[in-house]
PDB file of N, CA and C in Angstrom:
ATOM      1  N   MET A   1     -43.505 -24.181  25.246  1.00  0.00           N
ATOM      2  CA  MET A   1     -43.066 -23.743  23.789  1.00  0.00           C
ATOM      3  C   MET A   1     -42.487 -25.047  22.643  1.00  0.00           C
ATOM      4  N   THR A   2     -42.524 -24.902  22.010  1.00  0.00           N
ATOM      5  CA  THR A   2     -42.583 -26.471  20.837  1.00  0.00           C
ATOM      6  C   THR A   2     -41.278 -26.285  20.551  1.00  0.00           C
ATOM      7  N   ARG A   3     -41.247 -27.566  19.856  1.00  0.00           N
ATOM      8  CA  ARG A   3     -39.670 -28.145  19.501  1.00  0.00           C
ATOM      9  C   ARG A   3     -39.398 -26.782  18.805  1.00  0.00           C
ATOM     10  N   TRP A   4     -40.381 -26.785  17.526  1.00  0.00           N
ATOM     11  CA  TRP A   4     -40.097 -25.637  16.431  1.00  0.00           C
ATOM     12  C   TRP A   4     -39.212 -24.101  17.026  1.00  0.00           C
ATOM     13  N   MET A   5     -39.735 -23.425  18.218  1.00  0.00           N
ATOM     14  CA  MET A   5     -39.521 -22.601  18.608  1.00  0.00           C
ATOM     15  C   MET A   5     -37.972 -22.677  19.597  1.00  0.00           C
ATOM     16  N   GLN A   6     -38.038 -23.940  19.986  1.00  0.00           N
ATOM     17  CA  GLN A   6     -36.781 -24.790  20.610  1.00  0.00           C
ATOM     18  C   GLN A   6     -35.529 -24.202  19.381  1.00  0.00           C
ATOM     19  N   LEU A   7     -35.966 -25.329  18.529  1.00  0.00           N
ATOM     20  CA  LEU A   7     -34.709 -24.749  17.431  1.00  0.00           C
ATOM     21  C   LEU A   7     -34.438 -23.505  17.137  1.00  0.00           C
ATOM     22  N   ARG A   8     -35.418 -22.528  16.878  1.00  0.00           N
ATOM     23  CA  ARG A   8     -35.641 -21.830  16.431  1.00  0.00           C
ATOM     24  C   ARG A   8     -34.423 -20.657  17.019  1.00  0.00           C
ATOM     25  N   LEU A   9     -34.596 -20.993  18.438  1.00  0.00           N
ATOM     26  CA  LEU A   9     -34.006 -19.900  19.544  1.00  0.00           C
ATOM     27  C   LEU A   9     -32.709 -20.041  19.506  1.00  0.00           C
ATOM     28  N   ALA A  10     -32.765 -21.802  19.287  1.00  0.00           N
ATOM     29  CA  ALA A  10     -31.036 -22.127  19.448  1.00  0.00           C
ATOM     30  C   ALA A  10     -30.394 -21.560  18.159  1.00  0.00           C
ATOM     31  N   SER A  11     -30.942 -21.794  17.306  1.00  0.00           N
ATOM     32  CA  SER A  11     -30.177 -21.209  16.024  1.00  0.00           C
ATOM     33  C   SER A  11     -29.537 -19.543  16.045  1.00  0.00           C
ATOM     34  N   VAL A  12     -31.002 -18.770  16.383  1.00  0.00           N
ATOM     35  CA  VAL A  12     -30.685 -17.324  16.802  1.00  0.00           C
ATOM     36  C   VAL A  12     -29.550 -17.312  17.631  1.00  0.00           C
ATOM     37  N   ARG A  13     -29.428 -17.876  18.864  1.00  0.00           N
ATOM     38  CA  ARG A  13     -28.501 -17.469  19.807  1.00  0.00           C
ATOM     39  C   ARG A  13     -27.172 -18.069  19.401  1.00  0.00           C
ATOM     40  N   GLY A  14     -27.170 -19.075  18.141  1.00  0.00           N
ATOM     41  CA  GLY A  14     -25.570 -19.535  17.589  1.00  0.00           C
ATOM     42  C   GLY A  14     -25.384 -18.706  16.569  1.00  0.00           C
ATOM     43  N   ALA A  15     -26.215 -17.983  16.124  1.00  0.00           N
ATOM     44  CA  ALA A  15     -25.812 -16.851  15.337  1.00  0.00           C
ATOM     45  C   ALA A  15     -25.004 -16.052  15.469  1.00  0.00           C
ATOM     46  N   ALA A  16     -25.797 -15.586  17.056  1.00  0.00           N
ATOM     47  CA  ALA A  16     -25.374 -14.412  17.355  1.00  0.00           C
ATOM     48  C   ALA A  16     -24.155 -14.605  18.241  1.00  0.00           C
ATOM     49  N   ALA A  17     -23.466 -15.590  18.702  1.00  0.00           N
ATOM     50  CA  ALA A  17     -22.279 -16.148  18.957  1.00  0.00           C
ATOM     51  C   ALA A  17     -21.429 -16.073  17.901  1.00  0.00           C
ATOM     52  N   GLN A  18     -21.630 -16.393  17.065  1.00  0.00           N
ATOM     53  CA  GLN A  18     -20.931 -16.264  15.707  1.00  0.00           C
ATOM     54  C   GLN A  18     -20.515 -14.970  15.306  1.00  0.00           C
ATOM     55  N   ALA A  19     -21.348 -14.340  15.658  1.00  0.00           N
ATOM     56  CA  ALA A  19     -21.465 -12.841  14.829  1.00  0.00           C
ATOM     57  C   ALA A  19     -19.731 -11.864  15.376  1.00  0.00           C
ATOM     58  N   GLY A  20     -19.484 -12.490  16.502  1.00  0.00           N
ATOM     59  CA  GLY A  20     -17.801 -11.645  16.687  1.00  0.00           C
ATOM     60  C   GLY A  20     -16.929 -12.398  16.048  1.00  0.00           C
ATOM     61  N   MET A  21     -17.291 -13.431  15.687  1.00  0.00           N
ATOM     62  CA  MET A  21     -15.778 -14.407  15.132  1.00  0.00           C
ATOM     63  C   MET A  21     -15.935 -13.787  13.822  1.00  0.00           C
ATOM     64  N   SER A  22     -17.039 -13.068  12.989  1.00  0.00           N
ATOM     65  CA  SER A  22     -16.028 -12.811  11.667  1.00  0.00           C
ATOM     66  C   SER A  22     -15.515 -11.235  11.609  1.00  0.00           C
ATOM     67  N   THR A  23     -15.857 -10.645  12.687  1.00  0.00           N
ATOM     68  CA  THR A  23     -15.061  -9.377  13.234  1.00  0.00           C
ATOM     69  C   THR A  23     -13.625 -10.146  13.381  1.00  0.00           C
ATOM     70  N   ALA A  24     -13.542 -10.544  14.216  1.00  0.00           N
ATOM     71  CA  ALA A  24     -11.765 -10.731  14.454  1.00  0.00           C
ATOM     72  C   ALA A  24     -11.122 -11.821  13.368  1.00  0.00           C
ATOM     73  N   GLU A  25     -11.888 -12.692  12.909  1.00  0.00           N
ATOM     74  CA  GLU A  25     -11.047 -12.798  11.482  1.00  0.00           C
ATOM     75  C   GLU A  25     -10.848 -12.255  10.366  1.00  0.00           C
ATOM     76  N   TYR A  26     -11.799 -10.773  10.197  1.00  0.00           N
ATOM     77  CA  TYR A  26     -11.294  -9.629   9.226  1.00  0.00           C
ATOM     78  C   TYR A  26     -10.123  -9.040   9.930  1.00  0.00           C
ATOM     79  N   ALA A  27     -10.244  -9.004  11.140  1.00  0.00           N
ATOM     80  CA  ALA A  27      -9.182  -8.116  12.003  1.00  0.00           C
ATOM     81  C   ALA A  27      -8.060  -9.031  11.613  1.00  0.00           C
ATOM     82  N   VAL A  28      -7.942 -10.076  11.679  1.00  0.00           N
ATOM     83  CA  VAL A  28      -6.852 -11.057  11.902  1.00  0.00           C
ATOM     84  C   VAL A  28      -6.174 -10.991   9.858  1.00  0.00           C
ATOM     85  N   GLY A  29      -7.027 -10.840   9.457  1.00  0.00           N
ATOM     86  CA  GLY A  29      -6.895 -10.942   8.020  1.00  0.00           C
ATOM     87  C   GLY A  29      -6.098  -9.633   7.608  1.00  0.00           C
ATOM     88  N   THR A  30      -6.671  -8.180   7.925  1.00  0.00           N
ATOM     89  CA  THR A  30      -6.332  -7.150   7.944  1.00  0.00           C
ATOM     90  C   THR A  30      -5.046  -6.831   8.401  1.00  0.00           C
ATOM     91  N   LEU A  31      -4.759  -7.451   9.231  1.00  0.00           N
ATOM     92  CA  LEU A  31      -3.408  -7.281   9.995  1.00  0.00           C
ATOM     93  C   LEU A  31      -2.544  -7.844   9.234  1.00  0.00           C
ATOM     94  N   ALA A  32      -2.523  -9.108   8.680  1.00  0.00           N
ATOM     95  CA  ALA A  32      -1.601 -10.169   7.827  1.00  0.00           C
ATOM     96  C   ALA A  32      -1.321  -9.043   6.657  1.00  0.00           C
ATOM     97  N   ALA A  33      -2.506  -8.753   6.094  1.00  0.00           N
ATOM     98  CA  ALA A  33      -2.329  -8.236   4.806  1.00  0.00           C
ATOM     99  C   ALA A  33      -1.310  -6.867   4.806  1.00  0.00           C
ATOM    100  N   CYS A  34      -1.708  -6.228   6.062  1.00  0.00           N
ATOM    101  CA  CYS A  34      -0.462  -5.028   6.357  1.00  0.00           C
ATOM    102  C   CYS A  34       0.490  -5.365   6.495  1.00  0.00           C
ATOM    103  N   GLY A  35       0.993  -6.360   6.885  1.00  0.00           N
ATOM    104  CA  GLY A  35       2.241  -7.333   7.705  1.00  0.00           C
ATOM    105  C   GLY A  35       3.001  -7.152   5.994  1.00  0.00           C
ATOM    106  N   PHE A  36       2.291  -8.285   5.032  1.00  0.00           N
ATOM    107  CA  PHE A  36       2.839  -8.772   3.792  1.00  0.00           C
ATOM    108  C   PHE A  36       2.854  -7.255   2.945  1.00  0.00           C
ATOM    109  N   ALA A  37       2.225  -6.042   3.084  1.00  0.00           N
ATOM    110  CA  ALA A  37       2.188  -5.170   2.595  1.00  0.00           C
ATOM    111  C   ALA A  37       3.620  -4.349   2.994  1.00  0.00           C
ATOM    112  N   VAL A  38       4.040  -4.182   3.896  1.00  0.00           N
ATOM    113  CA  VAL A  38       5.521  -4.236   4.535  1.00  0.00           C
ATOM    114  C   VAL A  38       6.295  -4.567   3.789  1.00  0.00           C
ATOM    115  N   VAL A  39       6.059  -6.065   4.607  1.00  0.00           N
ATOM    116  CA  VAL A  39       7.539  -6.861   3.586  1.00  0.00           C
ATOM    117  C   VAL A  39       7.640  -6.658   1.835  1.00  0.00           C
ATOM    118  N   LEU A  40       6.501  -6.666   1.458  1.00  0.00           N
ATOM    119  CA  LEU A  40       6.824  -6.069   0.173  1.00  0.00           C
ATOM    120  C   LEU A  40       7.255  -4.898  -0.319  1.00  0.00           C
ATOM    121  N   TYR A  41       6.917  -3.803   0.582  1.00  0.00           N
ATOM    122  CA  TYR A  41       7.319  -2.436   0.311  1.00  0.00           C
ATOM    123  C   TYR A  41       8.674  -2.566   0.618  1.00  0.00           C
ATOM    124  N   LYS A  42       9.456  -3.145   1.538  1.00  0.00           N
ATOM    125  CA  LYS A  42      10.971  -3.258   1.533  1.00  0.00           C
ATOM    126  C   LYS A  42      11.617  -3.995   0.570  1.00  0.00           C
ATOM    127  N   VAL A  43      11.081  -4.973   0.027  1.00  0.00           N
ATOM    128  CA  VAL A  43      11.224  -5.795  -1.066  1.00  0.00           C
ATOM    129  C   VAL A  43      11.825  -4.877  -2.311  1.00  0.00           C
ATOM    130  N   VAL A  44      10.387  -4.349  -2.650  1.00  0.00           N
ATOM    131  CA  VAL A  44      10.717  -3.753  -3.674  1.00  0.00           C
ATOM    132  C   VAL A  44      11.360  -2.393  -3.776  1.00  0.00           C
ATOM    133  N   THR A  45      11.276  -1.719  -2.383  1.00  0.00           N
ATOM    134  CA  THR A  45      12.395  -0.519  -2.446  1.00  0.00           C
ATOM    135  C   THR A  45      14.186  -0.988  -2.147  1.00  0.00           C
ATOM    136  N   SER A  46      14.258  -1.998  -1.888  1.00  0.00           N
ATOM    137  CA  SER A  46      15.675  -2.435  -1.859  1.00  0.00           C
ATOM    138  C   SER A  46      16.911  -2.131  -2.611  1.00  0.00           C
ATOM    139  N   GLY A  47      17.491  -1.987  -2.757  1.00  0.00           N
ATOM    140  CA  GLY A  47      18.743  -1.286  -3.967  1.00  0.00           C
ATOM    141  C   GLY A  47      18.699  -2.202  -4.784  1.00  0.00           C
ATOM    142  N   VAL A  48      18.571  -3.599  -4.810  1.00  0.00           N
ATOM    143  CA  VAL A  48      19.003  -4.958  -5.906  1.00  0.00           C
ATOM    144  C   VAL A  48      17.566  -4.631  -6.612  1.00  0.00           C
ATOM    145  N   VAL A  49      16.573  -4.757  -6.379  1.00  0.00           N
ATOM    146  CA  VAL A  49      15.580  -4.476  -6.920  1.00  0.00           C
ATOM    147  C   VAL A  49      15.256  -3.462  -7.442  1.00  0.00           C
ATOM    148  N   SER A  50      15.498  -2.567  -6.923  1.00  0.00           N
ATOM    149  CA  SER A  50      15.111  -1.203  -7.284  1.00  0.00           C
ATOM    150  C   SER A  50      15.940  -0.830  -8.338  1.00  0.00           C
ATOM    151  N   SER A  51      17.490  -1.400  -8.522  1.00  0.00           N
ATOM    152  CA  SER A  51      18.052  -1.029 -10.079  1.00  0.00           C
ATOM    153  C   SER A  51      17.443  -1.959 -11.173  1.00  0.00           C
ATOM    154  N   ALA A  52      17.249  -3.482 -11.075  1.00  0.00           N
ATOM    155  CA  ALA A  52      16.803  -4.080 -11.546  1.00  0.00           C
ATOM    156  C   ALA A  52      15.262  -3.721 -12.361  1.00  0.00           C
ATOM    157  N   LEU A  53      14.321  -2.879 -11.417  1.00  0.00           N
ATOM    158  CA  LEU A  53      13.194  -2.659 -12.189  1.00  0.00           C
ATOM    159  C   LEU A  53      13.516  -1.201 -12.856  1.00  0.00           C
ATOM    160  N   SER A  54      14.817  -0.719 -12.408  1.00  0.00           N
ATOM    161  CA  SER A  54      14.790   0.424 -13.453  1.00  0.00           C
ATOM    162  C   SER A  54      15.496  -0.110 -14.882  1.00  0.00           C
ATOM    163  N   GLY A  55      16.055  -1.127 -14.508  1.00  0.00           N
ATOM    164  CA  GLY A  55      17.397  -1.144 -15.948  1.00  0.00           C
ATOM    165  C   GLY A  55      15.787  -2.070 -16.707  1.00  0.00           C
ATOM    166  N   LEU A  56      14.831  -2.840 -15.675  1.00  0.00           N
ATOM    167  CA  LEU A  56      13.765  -3.515 -17.302  1.00  0.00           C
ATOM    168  C   LEU A  56      13.094  -2.045 -17.716  1.00  0.00           C
ATOM    169  N   ILE A  57      12.907  -1.277 -17.034  1.00  0.00           N
ATOM    170  CA  ILE A  57      11.981  -0.033 -17.836  1.00  0.00           C
ATOM    171  C   ILE A  57      12.900   0.553 -18.488  1.00  0.00           C
ATOM    172  N   LYS A  58      13.856   0.531 -18.498  1.00  0.00           N
ATOM    173  CA  LYS A  58      15.116   1.562 -19.474  1.00  0.00           C
ATOM    174  C   LYS A  58      14.906   0.465 -20.698  1.00  0.00           C
ATOM    175  N   ARG A  59      14.976  -0.910 -20.437  1.00  0.00           N
ATOM    176  CA  ARG A  59      15.123  -1.625 -21.818  1.00  0.00           C
ATOM    177  C   ARG A  59      13.601  -1.718 -22.749  1.00  0.00           C
ATOM    178  N   ALA A  60      12.800  -1.336 -21.777  1.00  0.00           N
ATOM    179  CA  ALA A  60      11.347  -1.564 -22.419  1.00  0.00           C
ATOM    180  C   ALA A  60      11.156  -0.341 -23.441  1.00  0.00           C
ATOM    181  N   LEU A  61      11.778   0.407 -22.470  1.00  0.00           N
ATOM    182  CA  LEU A  61      11.658   1.985 -23.373  1.00  0.00           C
ATOM    183  C   LEU A  61      12.192   2.176 -24.515  1.00  0.00           C
ATOM    184  N   ASP A  62      13.702   1.793 -24.309  1.00  0.00           N
ATOM    185  CA  ASP A  62      14.543   1.835 -25.356  1.00  0.00           C
ATOM    186  C   ASP A  62      14.484   0.771 -26.690  1.00  0.00           C
ATOM    187  N   VAL A  63      13.169   0.067 -26.897  1.00  0.00           N
ATOM    188  CA  VAL A  63      13.143  -0.448 -27.844  1.00  0.00           C
ATOM    189  C   VAL A  63      13.305  -0.074 -29.344  1.00  0.00           C
ATOM    190  N   THR A  64      13.603  -0.249 -30.049  1.00  0.00           N
ATOM    191  CA  THR A  64      13.339   0.015 -31.309  1.00  0.00           C
ATOM    192  C   THR A  64      12.003  -0.940 -32.012  1.00  0.00           C
ATOM    193  N   PHE A  65      11.597  -0.393 -32.855  1.00  0.00           N
ATOM    194  CA  PHE A  65      10.728  -1.029 -33.458  1.00  0.00           C
ATOM    195  C   PHE A  65      10.912  -1.132 -34.928  1.00  0.00           C
TER     196      PHE A  65
END
């Protein structure tokens, strides 16, 4: 086996070993995004933020030109 073939085989094996890592990273990223979405949903639907957003929308719709 030539040196070039050995290097090529090693790079193919290395790529195969790294293939599963991107899937695991996507899974962790997806879980983190879902967790952030839950926290954001809880904050936005809380009483204080909900009333503040309602007040902001009412003031924006009551603007006279």
